[in-house]
Protein backbone atom coordinates (compact mmCIF):
# COMPACT_ATOMS: atom_id res chain seq x y z
CA UNK A 1 10.36 29.65 -3.56
CA UNK A 2 6.78 29.39 -5.08
CA UNK A 3 7.38 26.18 -6.22
CA UNK A 4 8.70 24.91 -2.44
CA UNK A 5 5.53 26.55 -0.98
CA UNK A 6 3.28 24.78 -3.14
CA UNK A 7 4.76 21.80 -2.48
CA UNK A 8 4.49 22.13 1.30
CA UNK A 9 1.02 23.04 0.79
CA UNK A 10 0.03 20.14 -1.37
CA UNK A 11 1.85 17.50 1.14
CA UNK A 12 0.07 18.62 4.02
CA UNK A 13 -3.06 18.65 2.06
CA UNK A 14 -3.02 15.56 0.78
CA UNK A 15 -0.97 14.02 4.00
CA UNK A 16 0.91 12.30 1.58
CA UNK A 17 1.29 8.57 3.32
CA UNK A 18 1.83 5.11 2.02
CA UNK A 19 1.95 1.66 3.83
CA UNK A 20 5.70 1.49 4.93
CA UNK A 21 7.75 -1.69 4.27
CA UNK A 22 11.28 -2.04 6.27
CA UNK A 23 12.85 1.18 5.79
CA UNK A 24 16.28 1.23 3.98
CA UNK A 25 19.16 2.44 5.63
CA UNK A 26 21.05 5.72 4.24
CA UNK A 27 23.87 4.80 2.10
CA UNK A 28 27.16 6.42 3.28
CA UNK A 29 28.88 8.81 1.79
CA UNK A 30 32.44 7.74 2.72
CA UNK A 31 33.35 3.74 3.10
CA UNK A 32 34.52 2.73 6.57
CA UNK A 33 38.05 1.88 7.58
CA UNK A 34 39.22 -1.39 5.28
CA UNK A 35 39.98 -4.42 7.60
CA UNK A 36 42.59 -6.99 7.25
CA UNK A 37 42.55 -10.12 5.27
CA UNK A 38 41.99 -13.44 6.85
CA UNK A 39 45.37 -15.36 6.65
CA UNK A 40 43.30 -18.63 5.93
CA UNK A 41 41.82 -16.83 2.84
CA UNK A 42 42.49 -18.36 -0.91
CA UNK A 43 42.00 -14.84 -2.51
CA UNK A 44 43.33 -11.82 -1.85
CA UNK A 45 41.44 -8.50 -1.05
CA UNK A 46 42.10 -7.23 -4.49
CA UNK A 47 41.61 -10.46 -6.25
CA UNK A 48 38.06 -10.86 -4.41
CA UNK A 49 37.34 -7.14 -5.46
CA UNK A 50 38.11 -7.30 -9.29
CA UNK A 51 35.95 -10.86 -9.39
CA UNK A 52 33.14 -8.84 -8.26
CA UNK A 53 33.61 -5.86 -10.36
CA UNK A 54 34.21 -8.06 -13.24
CA UNK A 55 30.72 -9.64 -12.92
CA UNK A 56 28.23 -8.65 -15.70
CA UNK A 57 25.57 -7.48 -13.37
CA UNK A 58 28.10 -4.96 -11.44
CA UNK A 59 29.95 -4.29 -14.45
CA UNK A 60 26.74 -2.72 -16.21
CA UNK A 61 25.69 -0.74 -13.27
CA UNK A 62 29.00 1.00 -12.70
CA UNK A 63 29.36 1.82 -16.00
CA UNK A 64 26.68 4.86 -15.06
CA UNK A 65 29.49 6.03 -12.37
CA UNK A 66 33.10 7.67 -12.85
CA UNK A 67 35.59 5.24 -13.21
CA UNK A 68 37.61 4.25 -10.19
CA UNK A 69 35.04 3.73 -7.43
CA UNK A 70 36.02 3.37 -3.80
CA UNK A 71 36.17 -0.45 -2.71
CA UNK A 72 36.36 -3.02 0.52
CA UNK A 73 36.18 -6.44 1.08
CA UNK A 74 36.00 -8.29 4.16
CA UNK A 75 36.53 -11.96 4.52
CA UNK A 76 34.42 -14.34 7.10
CA UNK A 77 33.51 -17.80 7.14
CA UNK A 78 34.98 -18.81 3.15
CA UNK A 79 33.42 -15.80 1.72
CA UNK A 80 34.50 -12.19 0.68
CA UNK A 81 31.98 -9.38 1.16
CA UNK A 82 32.93 -6.53 -1.14
CA UNK A 83 31.28 -3.00 -0.98
CA UNK A 84 31.52 -0.28 -3.55
CA UNK A 85 30.93 3.38 -3.00
CA UNK A 86 31.14 6.42 -5.80
CA UNK A 87 31.61 10.15 -4.64
CA UNK A 88 27.82 11.40 -3.34
CA UNK A 89 26.06 8.35 -4.42
CA UNK A 90 27.50 6.60 -1.54
CA UNK A 91 27.38 2.42 -1.91
CA UNK A 92 26.17 1.57 -5.17
CA UNK A 93 27.21 -2.31 -5.37
CA UNK A 94 27.50 -5.04 -2.78
CA UNK A 95 27.88 -8.82 -2.68
CA UNK A 96 29.71 -11.79 -1.70
CA UNK A 97 31.96 -13.65 -3.52
CA UNK A 98 33.24 -17.45 -2.31
CA UNK A 99 36.93 -17.73 -1.25
CA UNK A 100 37.15 -21.52 -2.81
CA UNK A 101 35.66 -21.01 -6.32
CA UNK A 102 36.12 -17.42 -7.28
CA UNK A 103 32.35 -17.55 -7.94
CA UNK A 104 30.23 -14.24 -7.44
CA UNK A 105 27.45 -15.56 -5.12
CA UNK A 106 25.43 -12.53 -4.55
CA UNK A 107 25.67 -9.17 -6.64
CA UNK A 108 23.16 -6.24 -5.49
CA UNK A 109 23.18 -2.76 -7.37
CA UNK A 110 21.13 0.31 -7.18
CA UNK A 111 18.19 -0.09 -5.20
CA UNK A 112 18.96 -3.40 -4.32
CA UNK A 113 21.84 -2.44 -2.05
CA UNK A 114 19.63 -0.40 0.82
CA UNK A 115 16.27 -2.45 0.00
CA UNK A 116 15.98 -6.23 0.44
CA UNK A 117 12.68 -6.25 -1.18
CA UNK A 118 14.06 -4.67 -4.28
CA UNK A 119 16.38 -7.84 -4.66
CA UNK A 120 13.79 -10.26 -5.99
CA UNK A 121 13.52 -12.43 -2.80
CA UNK A 122 11.05 -15.21 -3.38
CA UNK A 123 7.71 -14.96 -2.01
CA UNK A 124 8.64 -12.08 0.26
CA UNK A 125 5.34 -10.71 -0.21
CA UNK A 126 2.54 -12.95 0.48
CA UNK A 127 4.37 -15.99 0.48
CA UNK A 128 5.09 -18.48 -2.23
CA UNK A 129 1.84 -20.11 -3.21
CA UNK A 130 0.16 -17.01 -4.33
CA UNK A 131 3.44 -15.60 -6.19
CA UNK A 132 3.49 -18.99 -8.34
CA UNK A 133 2.64 -19.17 -12.03
CA UNK A 134 -0.03 -21.55 -11.77
CA UNK A 135 -1.92 -19.93 -8.78
CA UNK A 136 -1.94 -16.16 -10.10
CA UNK A 137 -2.34 -17.22 -13.59
CA UNK A 138 -5.01 -19.30 -12.28
CA UNK A 139 -6.90 -16.25 -10.63
CA UNK A 140 -6.33 -13.73 -14.08
CA UNK A 141 -7.99 -16.47 -16.08
CA UNK A 142 -10.99 -16.91 -13.74
CA UNK A 143 -11.14 -13.01 -13.73
CA UNK A 144 -11.49 -12.87 -17.27
CA UNK A 145 -13.61 -15.80 -17.85
CA UNK A 146 -15.95 -14.82 -15.33
CA UNK A 147 -16.31 -10.96 -16.48
CA UNK A 148 -15.50 -10.87 -20.35
CA UNK A 149 -18.61 -9.83 -22.04
CA UNK A 150 -18.21 -12.86 -24.63
CA UNK A 151 -20.84 -11.28 -26.70
CA UNK A 152 -18.25 -7.99 -27.48
CA UNK A 153 -14.93 -9.24 -27.57
CA UNK A 154 -13.40 -5.94 -28.81
CA UNK A 155 -15.44 -3.91 -26.24
CA UNK A 156 -13.87 -1.27 -24.00
CA UNK A 157 -14.88 -2.52 -21.06
CA UNK A 158 -13.21 -5.72 -22.06
CA UNK A 159 -9.85 -3.81 -21.98
CA UNK A 160 -10.50 -2.25 -18.86
CA UNK A 161 -10.53 -6.02 -17.50
CA UNK A 162 -6.94 -6.44 -19.17
CA UNK A 163 -5.71 -3.23 -18.02
CA UNK A 164 -6.34 -4.26 -14.16
CA UNK A 165 -4.61 -7.56 -14.85
CA UNK A 166 -1.84 -5.65 -16.58
CA UNK A 167 0.19 -5.13 -13.21
CA UNK A 168 0.70 -8.72 -13.20
CA UNK A 169 3.80 -7.58 -15.51
CA UNK A 170 5.66 -4.90 -13.43
CA UNK A 171 4.79 -7.28 -10.01
CA UNK A 172 6.74 -10.12 -12.34
CA UNK A 173 9.75 -7.82 -12.84
CA UNK A 174 9.78 -6.77 -9.30
CA UNK A 175 9.45 -10.36 -7.98
CA UNK A 176 12.73 -10.72 -10.04
CA UNK A 177 14.52 -7.81 -8.76
CA UNK A 178 14.28 -5.52 -12.08
CA UNK A 179 13.41 -2.37 -10.37
CA UNK A 180 13.93 -0.03 -13.02
CA UNK A 181 11.91 -2.11 -15.75
CA UNK A 182 9.08 -2.76 -13.52
CA UNK A 183 8.42 0.52 -12.33
CA UNK A 184 8.07 2.64 -15.70
CA UNK A 185 5.41 -0.35 -16.41
CA UNK A 186 2.74 0.88 -13.65
CA UNK A 187 1.86 4.42 -15.23
CA UNK A 188 0.52 3.54 -18.44
CA UNK A 189 -2.38 1.37 -16.37
CA UNK A 190 -2.67 4.48 -13.84
CA UNK A 191 -3.16 6.86 -16.94
CA UNK A 192 -5.79 4.41 -18.66
CA UNK A 193 -7.83 4.22 -15.42
CA UNK A 194 -7.74 7.64 -15.01
CA UNK A 195 -8.89 8.92 -18.57
CA UNK A 196 -11.39 6.00 -18.61
CA UNK A 197 -13.23 7.04 -15.40
CA UNK A 198 -12.79 10.92 -16.31
CA UNK A 199 -14.99 9.70 -19.31
CA UNK A 200 -17.35 7.81 -17.39
CA UNK A 201 -17.90 10.59 -14.88
CA UNK A 202 -18.42 13.48 -17.58
CA UNK A 203 -20.73 10.87 -19.46
CA UNK A 204 -22.59 9.64 -16.09
CA UNK A 205 -23.36 6.38 -18.46
CA UNK A 206 -22.33 3.02 -17.55
CA UNK A 207 -20.28 0.91 -19.84
CA UNK A 208 -22.18 -1.24 -22.04
CA UNK A 209 -22.01 -5.23 -21.60
CA UNK A 210 -21.35 -7.27 -18.64
CA UNK A 211 -20.70 -10.84 -17.36
CA UNK A 212 -22.87 -13.55 -19.78
CA UNK A 213 -22.72 -16.04 -16.94
CA UNK A 214 -26.02 -16.81 -14.94
CA UNK A 215 -26.36 -15.36 -11.52
CA UNK A 216 -25.96 -18.72 -9.69
CA UNK A 217 -23.02 -19.54 -11.47
CA UNK A 218 -21.16 -16.24 -10.42
CA UNK A 219 -22.42 -16.93 -6.73
CA UNK A 220 -21.20 -20.32 -6.90
CA UNK A 221 -17.89 -19.45 -7.97
CA UNK A 222 -17.47 -16.60 -5.57
CA UNK A 223 -18.27 -18.92 -2.58
CA UNK A 224 -15.77 -21.80 -3.57
CA UNK A 225 -13.18 -18.67 -4.59
CA UNK A 226 -13.69 -17.20 -1.14
CA UNK A 227 -12.84 -20.09 1.00
CA UNK A 228 -9.87 -21.03 -1.27
CA UNK A 229 -8.65 -17.76 -0.79
CA UNK A 230 -9.13 -18.03 3.25
CA UNK A 231 -7.17 -21.19 3.15
CA UNK A 232 -4.11 -19.89 1.20
CA UNK A 233 -4.19 -17.08 3.67
CA UNK A 234 -3.78 -19.63 6.65
CA UNK A 235 -1.63 -22.06 5.16
CA UNK A 236 0.84 -20.38 3.04
CA UNK A 237 0.85 -16.66 3.45
CA UNK A 238 3.29 -14.38 5.53
CA UNK A 239 3.13 -11.20 7.76
CA UNK A 240 5.09 -8.48 6.37
CA UNK A 241 6.19 -5.37 8.95
CA UNK A 242 2.71 -3.73 8.21
CA UNK A 243 0.75 -6.49 9.49
CA UNK A 244 3.10 -6.53 12.46
CA UNK A 245 2.43 -3.07 13.56
CA UNK A 246 -1.32 -3.36 13.58
CA UNK A 247 -0.69 -6.25 16.30
CA UNK A 248 1.65 -3.94 18.38
CA UNK A 249 -0.97 -0.85 18.03
CA UNK A 250 -3.71 -3.05 19.22
CA UNK A 251 -1.52 -4.28 22.32
CA UNK A 252 -0.26 -0.72 23.27
CA UNK A 253 -4.33 0.65 22.98
CA UNK A 254 -5.42 -2.05 25.30
CA UNK A 255 -2.63 -1.65 27.66
CA UNK A 256 -3.44 2.20 28.16
CA UNK A 257 -0.80 3.81 25.62
CA UNK A 258 -0.75 5.61 22.82
CA UNK A 259 0.77 3.60 19.64
CA UNK A 260 2.76 6.50 18.75
CA UNK A 261 6.41 6.59 20.07
CA UNK A 262 5.74 3.35 21.79
CA UNK A 263 6.59 0.71 19.08
CA UNK A 264 9.48 -1.72 20.03
CA UNK A 265 13.18 -0.62 19.03
CA UNK A 266 16.27 -2.04 18.69
CA UNK A 267 18.60 0.14 19.95
CA UNK A 268 22.34 -1.18 20.91
CA UNK A 269 21.57 -0.22 24.52
CA UNK A 270 18.85 -2.60 24.78
CA UNK A 271 19.41 -5.97 25.81
CA UNK A 272 19.27 -8.82 23.22
CA UNK A 273 16.66 -11.35 24.17
CA UNK A 274 16.80 -13.57 21.06
CA UNK A 275 18.88 -15.11 18.30
CA UNK A 276 20.36 -12.97 15.48
CA UNK A 277 18.61 -13.32 11.89
CA UNK A 278 20.33 -14.32 8.53
CA UNK A 279 21.82 -10.79 8.74
CA UNK A 280 23.47 -10.97 11.87
CA UNK A 281 20.66 -8.21 13.28
CA UNK A 282 19.27 -9.24 16.67
CA UNK A 283 15.87 -7.94 16.44
CA UNK A 284 14.48 -9.32 19.86
CA UNK A 285 15.25 -6.74 22.84
CA UNK A 286 14.19 -6.13 26.14
CA UNK A 287 11.80 -2.88 25.44
CA UNK A 288 11.29 -0.37 28.49
CA UNK A 289 8.17 -2.12 29.58
CA UNK A 290 10.51 -4.91 30.78
CA UNK A 291 9.26 -7.46 27.93
CA UNK A 292 11.10 -9.23 25.24
CA UNK A 293 9.79 -8.12 21.83
CA UNK A 294 10.67 -8.08 18.41
CA UNK A 295 11.77 -4.48 16.82
CA UNK A 296 9.16 -2.77 14.38
CA UNK A 297 10.74 0.60 14.83
CA UNK A 298 8.82 2.56 12.01
CA UNK A 299 5.69 0.81 12.52
CA UNK A 300 3.69 3.39 14.37
CA UNK A 301 2.89 5.80 11.00
CA UNK A 302 -0.14 5.06 10.04
CA UNK A 303 -3.80 6.42 11.30
CA UNK A 304 -5.18 5.30 14.51
CA UNK A 305 -8.13 3.02 12.85
CA UNK A 306 -5.16 1.22 11.56
CA UNK A 307 -4.35 -0.10 14.97
CA UNK A 308 -7.82 -0.15 16.38
CA UNK A 309 -8.97 -2.31 13.51
CA UNK A 310 -6.52 -5.30 14.84
CA UNK A 311 -8.34 -5.28 18.44
CA UNK A 312 -10.67 -7.60 18.28
CA UNK A 313 -8.52 -10.18 16.67
CA UNK A 314 -5.97 -9.43 19.47
CA UNK A 315 -8.78 -10.13 21.80
CA UNK A 316 -9.33 -13.68 20.51
CA UNK A 317 -5.55 -14.63 19.41
CA UNK A 318 -3.38 -12.61 21.76
CA UNK A 319 0.29 -11.81 20.78
CA UNK A 320 3.54 -13.75 21.96
CA UNK A 321 5.39 -10.25 21.98
CA UNK A 322 7.45 -11.69 18.96
CA UNK A 323 7.46 -11.83 15.03
CA UNK A 324 6.02 -14.96 14.70
CA UNK A 325 2.99 -16.33 12.75
CA UNK A 326 0.68 -13.55 14.11
CA UNK A 327 -2.61 -15.19 14.09
CA UNK A 328 -4.26 -11.86 14.92
CA UNK A 329 -2.70 -10.56 11.71
CA UNK A 330 -4.08 -13.31 9.68
CA UNK A 331 -7.49 -13.03 11.23
CA UNK A 332 -7.82 -9.15 10.72
CA UNK A 333 -6.77 -9.47 6.93
CA UNK A 334 -9.31 -12.24 6.38
CA UNK A 335 -11.74 -10.31 8.31
CA UNK A 336 -11.56 -7.20 6.00
CA UNK A 337 -11.25 -8.94 2.99
CA UNK A 338 -14.30 -10.97 3.55
CA UNK A 339 -16.07 -7.96 4.60
CA UNK A 340 -15.26 -5.93 1.42
CA UNK A 341 -16.70 -8.80 -0.41
CA UNK A 342 -19.85 -8.51 1.67
CA UNK A 343 -19.67 -5.15 1.01
CA UNK A 344 -19.21 -5.12 -2.74
CA UNK A 345 -22.15 -7.46 -2.49
CA UNK A 346 -24.71 -5.29 -0.57
CA UNK A 347 -23.91 -2.24 -2.62
CA UNK A 348 -24.46 -4.29 -6.01
CA UNK A 349 -27.55 -5.51 -4.66
CA UNK A 350 -29.19 -2.40 -3.36
CA UNK A 351 -27.99 -0.06 -6.53
CA UNK A 352 -28.58 -2.53 -9.31
CA UNK A 353 -29.98 -6.13 -8.16
CA UNK A 354 -28.72 -9.61 -7.91
CA UNK A 355 -26.64 -9.61 -10.90
CA UNK A 356 -24.53 -6.55 -10.25
CA UNK A 357 -24.19 -8.00 -6.78
CA UNK A 358 -22.77 -11.26 -7.83
CA UNK A 359 -20.49 -9.82 -10.81
CA UNK A 360 -19.02 -7.51 -8.05
CA UNK A 361 -18.51 -10.05 -5.21
CA UNK A 362 -16.92 -12.29 -8.10
CA UNK A 363 -14.65 -9.27 -9.35
CA UNK A 364 -13.11 -8.94 -5.81
CA UNK A 365 -12.20 -12.64 -5.11
CA UNK A 366 -11.16 -13.50 -8.60
CA UNK A 367 -8.47 -10.19 -8.87
CA UNK A 368 -5.50 -11.64 -7.95
CA UNK A 369 -4.20 -8.54 -6.39
CA UNK A 370 -6.78 -8.57 -3.70
CA UNK A 371 -5.65 -11.95 -2.54
CA UNK A 372 -1.95 -10.60 -2.43
CA UNK A 373 -2.71 -8.41 -0.45
CA UNK A 374 -4.06 -10.42 1.76
CA UNK A 375 -1.57 -12.99 1.65
CA UNK A 376 1.18 -10.20 2.61
CA UNK A 377 -1.44 -9.86 5.62
CA UNK A 378 -0.97 -6.26 5.18
CA UNK A 379 -3.57 -3.23 6.62
CA UNK A 380 -4.16 -1.78 3.13
CA UNK A 381 -7.80 -3.91 2.77
CA UNK A 382 -8.89 -2.26 5.55
CA UNK A 383 -9.33 1.58 3.74
CA UNK A 384 -11.36 0.18 0.78
CA UNK A 385 -13.57 -2.05 2.99
CA UNK A 386 -14.68 0.90 4.81
CA UNK A 387 -15.33 3.02 1.96
CA UNK A 388 -17.11 0.68 0.33
CA UNK A 389 -19.93 0.62 2.96
CA UNK A 390 -19.89 4.39 2.21
CA UNK A 391 -21.88 3.48 -0.93
CA UNK A 392 -24.58 2.11 1.54
CA UNK A 393 -25.16 5.35 3.25
CA UNK A 394 -24.55 7.65 0.20
CA UNK A 395 -27.97 9.55 1.45
CA UNK A 396 -26.62 10.10 4.84
CA UNK A 397 -24.74 13.19 5.26
CA UNK A 398 -23.12 12.42 8.66
CA UNK A 399 -22.95 8.65 7.48
CA UNK A 400 -20.77 9.76 4.56
CA UNK A 401 -18.55 11.96 6.63
CA UNK A 402 -17.99 9.23 9.24
CA UNK A 403 -17.01 7.10 6.73
CA UNK A 404 -14.55 9.10 5.41
CA UNK A 405 -12.98 10.02 8.80
CA UNK A 406 -12.76 6.17 9.55
CA UNK A 407 -11.04 5.54 5.87
CA UNK A 408 -8.77 8.51 5.88
CA UNK A 409 -7.30 7.99 9.61
CA UNK A 410 -6.70 4.39 8.75
CA UNK A 411 -4.79 5.17 5.33
CA UNK A 412 -4.31 9.20 4.81
CA UNK A 413 -4.90 8.84 1.03
CA UNK A 414 -8.54 8.55 1.36
CA UNK A 415 -8.67 12.07 3.01
CA UNK A 416 -8.17 13.27 -0.58
CA UNK A 417 -12.05 12.46 -0.73
CA UNK A 418 -13.10 14.83 1.94
CA UNK A 419 -14.42 17.74 -0.77
CA UNK A 420 -15.96 14.79 -3.36
CA UNK A 421 -18.01 12.80 -0.68
CA UNK A 422 -19.10 16.24 1.29
CA UNK A 423 -21.84 16.45 -1.66
CA UNK A 424 -24.67 13.97 -2.50
CA UNK A 425 -26.73 13.81 -4.94
CA UNK A 426 -25.93 17.44 -5.13
CA UNK A 427 -23.00 19.42 -4.16
CA UNK A 428 -22.77 22.88 -2.90
CA UNK A 429 -25.57 22.55 -0.33
CA UNK A 430 -24.27 24.36 2.79
CA UNK A 431 -26.72 22.52 5.12
CA UNK A 432 -25.89 18.94 4.20
CA UNK A 433 -22.21 20.10 3.75
CA UNK A 434 -22.68 21.28 7.46
CA UNK A 435 -24.12 17.48 8.87
CA UNK A 436 -21.26 16.15 6.68
CA UNK A 437 -18.57 17.89 8.24
CA UNK A 438 -19.92 17.34 11.85
CA UNK A 439 -19.88 13.15 10.99
CA UNK A 440 -16.45 13.71 9.82
CA UNK A 441 -15.25 15.65 12.95
CA UNK A 442 -17.14 13.35 15.55
CA UNK A 443 -15.58 10.27 14.04
CA UNK A 444 -12.15 12.01 13.89
CA UNK A 445 -12.64 12.77 17.83
CA UNK A 446 -13.66 9.12 18.83
CA UNK A 447 -10.81 7.52 17.04
CA UNK A 448 -8.10 10.05 18.39
CA UNK A 449 -9.17 9.40 21.94
CA UNK A 450 -5.77 7.38 21.86
CA UNK A 451 -3.88 9.97 22.18
CA UNK A 452 -5.53 11.17 25.34
CA UNK A 453 -4.34 7.80 26.52
CA UNK A 454 -0.86 9.64 27.47
CA UNK A 455 -0.32 12.14 30.13
CA UNK A 456 -0.12 15.09 28.00
CA UNK A 457 -2.52 14.82 24.76
CA UNK A 458 -0.43 17.86 23.32
CA UNK A 459 2.51 16.18 23.32
CA UNK A 460 1.11 12.96 22.06
CA UNK A 461 -0.17 14.67 19.12
CA UNK A 462 3.18 16.31 18.41
CA UNK A 463 4.62 12.44 18.41
CA UNK A 464 1.64 11.27 16.22
CA UNK A 465 2.54 13.95 13.81
CA UNK A 466 6.15 13.64 13.64
CA UNK A 467 5.55 9.75 13.50
CA UNK A 468 3.55 9.90 10.57
CA UNK A 469 3.02 12.79 8.23
CA UNK A 470 6.94 14.21 9.05
CA UNK A 471 8.38 11.09 8.47
CA UNK A 472 6.32 9.89 5.35
CA UNK A 473 7.37 13.39 3.46
CA UNK A 474 10.87 12.82 4.17
CA UNK A 475 11.19 9.35 3.32
CA UNK A 476 13.18 8.32 -0.04
CA UNK A 477 12.43 5.03 -2.03
CA UNK A 478 13.29 3.33 -5.45
CA UNK A 479 9.53 2.02 -6.28
CA UNK A 480 8.19 4.80 -8.13
CA UNK A 481 9.61 7.30 -10.87
CA UNK A 482 10.38 10.04 -8.68
CA UNK A 483 12.89 9.42 -6.24
CA UNK A 484 15.70 7.67 -8.79
CA UNK A 485 17.69 10.85 -8.26
CA UNK A 486 19.31 9.60 -5.37
CA UNK A 487 21.33 7.22 -7.41
CA UNK A 488 23.27 10.16 -9.07
CA UNK A 489 23.75 7.56 -11.95
CA UNK A 490 23.55 8.46 -15.92
CA UNK A 491 20.78 7.38 -17.47
CA UNK A 492 18.54 7.50 -14.44
CA UNK A 493 15.94 10.31 -14.74
CA UNK A 494 15.44 13.15 -12.19
CA UNK A 495 11.74 13.81 -12.18
CA UNK A 496 11.13 15.45 -8.84
CA UNK A 497 9.66 18.60 -10.29
CA UNK A 498 7.33 16.82 -12.44
CA UNK A 499 6.20 14.74 -9.05
CA UNK A 500 6.00 18.70 -7.30
CA UNK A 501 3.89 19.58 -10.00
CA UNK A 502 1.59 16.32 -10.22
CA UNK A 503 1.19 16.85 -6.82
CA UNK A 504 -0.09 20.31 -7.14
CA UNK A 505 -2.55 19.06 -9.61
CA UNK A 506 -3.95 16.28 -7.55
CA UNK A 507 -4.72 18.34 -4.69
CA UNK A 508 -6.62 20.92 -7.44
CA UNK A 509 -8.49 18.11 -8.82
CA UNK A 510 -9.58 17.03 -5.38
CA UNK A 511 -10.61 20.53 -4.21
CA UNK A 512 -12.50 21.10 -7.91
CA UNK A 513 -14.30 17.69 -7.02
CA UNK A 514 -15.81 19.30 -4.10
CA UNK A 515 -18.09 21.58 -6.59
CA UNK A 516 -18.02 20.19 -9.83
CA UNK A 517 -20.27 18.28 -10.99
CA UNK A 518 -23.29 19.61 -9.27
CA UNK A 519 -25.15 16.60 -9.56
CA UNK A 520 -23.76 13.04 -8.37
CA UNK A 521 -25.23 9.62 -9.27
CA UNK A 522 -23.45 6.38 -7.68
CA UNK A 523 -21.48 5.87 -11.13
CA UNK A 524 -20.11 9.24 -10.93
CA UNK A 525 -19.05 9.21 -7.06
CA UNK A 526 -17.24 5.60 -8.15
CA UNK A 527 -15.35 7.01 -10.80
CA UNK A 528 -14.11 10.11 -9.35
CA UNK A 529 -13.43 8.43 -6.17
CA UNK A 530 -11.03 6.09 -8.49
CA UNK A 531 -9.49 8.77 -10.15
CA UNK A 532 -8.55 10.24 -6.94
CA UNK A 533 -7.09 7.45 -5.40
CA UNK A 534 -5.25 6.00 -8.51
CA UNK A 535 -3.78 9.96 -8.71
CA UNK A 536 -2.62 9.40 -4.98
CA UNK A 537 -0.85 6.22 -6.03
CA UNK A 538 0.52 7.79 -9.20
CA UNK A 539 2.40 10.88 -7.39
CA UNK A 540 3.24 8.56 -4.40
CA UNK A 541 7.22 8.26 -3.28
CA UNK A 542 7.28 5.22 -1.78
CA UNK A 543 4.65 2.38 -3.53
CA UNK A 544 3.89 -1.29 -3.41
CA UNK A 545 1.34 -3.69 -5.05
CA UNK A 546 -0.78 -4.34 -2.02
CA UNK A 547 -1.75 -0.58 -2.31
CA UNK A 548 -4.03 -1.53 -5.82
CA UNK A 549 -6.55 -2.67 -3.52
CA UNK A 550 -7.35 0.59 -2.65
CA UNK A 551 -8.86 1.86 -5.95
CA UNK A 552 -10.19 -1.76 -7.18
CA UNK A 553 -13.58 -1.69 -5.58
CA UNK A 554 -14.50 1.49 -7.21
CA UNK A 555 -12.80 1.04 -10.50
CA UNK A 556 -15.21 -2.04 -10.49
CA UNK A 557 -18.19 0.08 -9.82
CA UNK A 558 -17.17 2.47 -12.24
CA UNK A 559 -15.97 0.52 -15.15
CA UNK A 560 -16.11 -3.56 -14.57
CA UNK A 561 -19.77 -4.00 -13.27
CA UNK A 562 -21.13 -0.22 -12.96
CA UNK A 563 -23.40 1.37 -10.87
CA UNK A 564 -26.47 3.30 -12.42
CA UNK A 565 -25.73 6.63 -13.71
CA UNK A 566 -27.56 9.86 -15.09
CA UNK A 567 -30.48 10.40 -12.83
CA UNK A 568 -30.24 6.99 -10.93
CA UNK A 569 -31.37 7.95 -7.14
CA UNK A 570 -30.43 5.79 -4.08
CA UNK A 571 -33.38 5.29 -1.64
CA UNK A 572 -32.31 6.68 1.77
CA UNK A 573 -31.21 3.87 4.64
CA UNK A 574 -31.13 6.48 7.18
CA UNK A 575 -34.06 8.74 7.44
CA UNK A 576 -32.42 12.31 6.44
CA UNK A 577 -34.73 14.02 8.79
CA UNK A 578 -33.68 11.84 11.78
CA UNK A 579 -30.32 13.19 11.11
CA UNK A 580 -30.04 16.07 13.37
CA UNK A 581 -31.45 14.04 16.50
CA UNK A 582 -28.89 11.57 15.66
CA UNK A 583 -26.13 13.93 15.62
CA UNK A 584 -27.65 15.55 18.94
CA UNK A 585 -27.42 12.12 20.11
């Protein structure tokens, strides 16, 4: 009972949430009533089932379950669709068998049954170009060539660069549908980043070494890559449901509605108004507003800033009410990707001079995962872009509070930063914490005006909680180590208790960072921010590769092109004596 209470407290404190992709349907416990075979089929139902069960992939997976599973096969258009169930695990395998040749055309097992994105569909995130070997490895090569310290090839800093690129290996496995191999390979890199940033925060000294190239070479490469990235987004990228949700949310707000509880759905009772997709599902349906819209029923699960950020693009490009090319989503992704680039350059210029500015900007545009998020047109670059600008207002208590609120009500992960960012350059100063809290509270109230668009703000708040926190706490997913117990398979570990312990440790660490260390340099702020954001991703149940951009800018500030440490000071951009008057205004 104590463990359960701790878990609830940890989850509510963290507001554990992430970018949702398409929600998986729950596996049925019992199969439907089998349908009859077509008289025109060459194979019998049992023959189709036997061929499917004999395929190497299916056989290997079913060896983890008791013998004699429940099976069913249906025939349509020259193909058999086979489904396999095993007790409380539900549906454990599905696929198709060609009736003419007996060949197994598709075989999906484990997480691939309910999760289409676990099937290794080419280009499902970001399109085919960014996922192609020449483009991806080209980014990796440029990243290393531009940032490696060629005078100290065996330095720890150079190893940090390799670790930041090492996520490529699990991504490659993910793109080939090998979830159980890709997921474990994420965590060693996470652990390395946490340990390294803890070491940097303790010593408060920047790593030795850096890029050897002249500043103008780094700057020129940055400009070229920035243009190439925009072209890649415009010409060869896709918009997943996360980016689509931002467009819908902007539409609802501009039409005087809260986004929460008003997203387009695809209920059977709604009139279809478009063709079926490749799976036979009709997603275009007439909504309660009388408009034919493409459904995205679970898209209202982010903070309000995640929808407000799309309003500028919406005002320019609008929306057809369909999940088409969505130029608004492309424009918003490019905007915040560019803002992150500019912000890193400004932070580097202010805190370390032109070389640091050039190195930080180059790191952002050369790292392939920042382009992966941009090409997927998710909302994942919004949060780190906002936090980057927080380093420009470090000396303003109100400014830091406002930035944490804006980023936290985009992706709830950065709410973990509230204690850490409450104190700079020194923690535990009640007056400054008061101004910081005022900045956070005022900004929070401003962005939550969307709830007051509804007839009852209290009802809207309840809907917000149900659609965000409550939904995310209860969801399951195979993209981390923590929820594999759902497959009830031999050889698949149940690490749920470990996850609970780590969640408690993460929350305790976030609280501790409000008090320790007392003195904080920009370097310490960057390193400790990285620890918390990486730690959040470490304990997430639902996880995906665009999330890596959440911590990358701060890992750069701490490890790749480190900020000043020790007694480094930052000249105020806002006169601290003006903050009381600013708050009153």
